[in-house]
Amino acid sequence: MLGQRKVDATPANHFRSERISVVNGRYFFSTREGTLEGPFFSKQDAEREVTRYLARHECARNISEYKVLR
C-alpha cells in the first residue's frame, strides 16, 4: 500500500538560484538557454559578465521589439 505518513517529507520543487559554478578552478555561469559561459578567473569576473550578458539580451530584445513596431 502506498501512502504518505505525517512524518514523511512533502514533495517540493527545488529551484536553482546560483548560476555560477566552479570547474577546475575556473568560474562559469549557466544561462536559461542552456549554455555555459566562461571561463572566468574569479567569481567577481563571472558576476560582472552575468550583468553584461543580461544587458546584451535586453538590448537585443528592445531592438527586435522596435523593428516590430515600425
Protein backbone atom coordinates (compact mmCIF):
# COMPACT_ATOMS: atom_id res chain seq x y z
CA MET A 1 0.00 0.00 0.00
CA LEU A 2 1.36 3.39 -0.98
CA GLY A 3 0.59 6.29 1.29
CA GLN A 4 2.14 9.25 2.96
CA ARG A 5 2.68 9.47 6.68
CA LYS A 6 2.68 12.71 8.60
CA VAL A 7 6.40 12.38 9.20
CA ASP A 8 7.23 11.85 5.51
CA ALA A 9 8.72 14.79 3.70
CA THR A 10 6.32 16.51 1.35
CA PRO A 11 7.31 16.74 -2.31
CA ALA A 12 8.83 20.10 -3.12
CA ASN A 13 10.10 21.93 -6.14
CA HIS A 14 13.75 22.86 -5.95
CA PHE A 15 14.90 25.88 -7.87
CA ARG A 16 18.49 26.64 -8.62
CA SER A 17 19.33 30.17 -7.62
CA GLU A 18 23.09 30.04 -8.02
CA ARG A 19 24.07 30.19 -11.68
CA ILE A 20 27.81 30.48 -11.08
CA SER A 21 29.80 27.29 -10.74
CA VAL A 22 33.48 26.39 -10.41
CA VAL A 23 35.11 23.82 -12.68
CA ASN A 24 38.83 23.13 -12.29
CA GLY A 25 39.34 26.44 -10.50
CA ARG A 26 37.63 28.48 -13.23
CA TYR A 27 34.23 30.16 -12.90
CA PHE A 28 31.32 29.69 -15.30
CA PHE A 29 27.69 30.77 -15.36
CA SER A 30 24.79 28.93 -16.90
CA THR A 31 22.04 30.57 -18.89
CA ARG A 32 18.34 29.79 -19.30
CA GLU A 33 19.17 28.92 -22.89
CA GLY A 34 21.29 26.07 -21.56
CA THR A 35 24.71 27.48 -22.39
CA LEU A 36 27.69 27.56 -20.06
CA GLU A 37 29.55 30.87 -20.33
CA GLY A 38 33.16 31.23 -19.29
CA PRO A 39 35.75 30.51 -18.09
CA PHE A 40 36.42 33.46 -15.79
CA PHE A 41 39.30 33.83 -13.36
CA SER A 42 37.22 34.94 -10.37
CA LYS A 43 33.64 34.84 -9.13
CA GLN A 44 33.55 38.63 -9.39
CA ASP A 45 34.51 38.41 -13.07
CA ALA A 46 31.73 35.88 -13.66
CA GLU A 47 29.19 38.05 -11.82
CA ARG A 48 30.21 41.07 -13.90
CA GLU A 49 29.80 39.05 -17.09
CA VAL A 50 26.34 37.87 -15.99
CA THR A 51 25.33 41.53 -15.79
CA ARG A 52 26.80 42.24 -19.23
CA TYR A 53 25.14 39.13 -20.69
CA LEU A 54 21.73 40.23 -19.37
CA ALA A 55 22.25 43.77 -20.68
CA ARG A 56 23.10 42.45 -24.17
CA HIS A 57 19.97 40.30 -24.22
CA GLU A 58 17.81 43.17 -23.00
CA CYS A 59 19.25 45.40 -25.73
CA ALA A 60 18.61 42.74 -28.38
CA ARG A 61 15.03 42.31 -27.14
CA ASN A 62 14.44 46.07 -27.31
CA ILE A 63 15.82 46.20 -30.86
CA SER A 64 13.59 43.35 -32.01
CA GLU A 65 10.54 44.99 -30.41
CA TYR A 66 11.42 48.28 -32.11
CA LYS A 67 11.60 46.56 -35.51
CA VAL A 68 8.18 45.00 -34.96
CA LEU A 69 6.66 48.39 -34.15
CA ARG A 70 7.97 50.01 -37.34
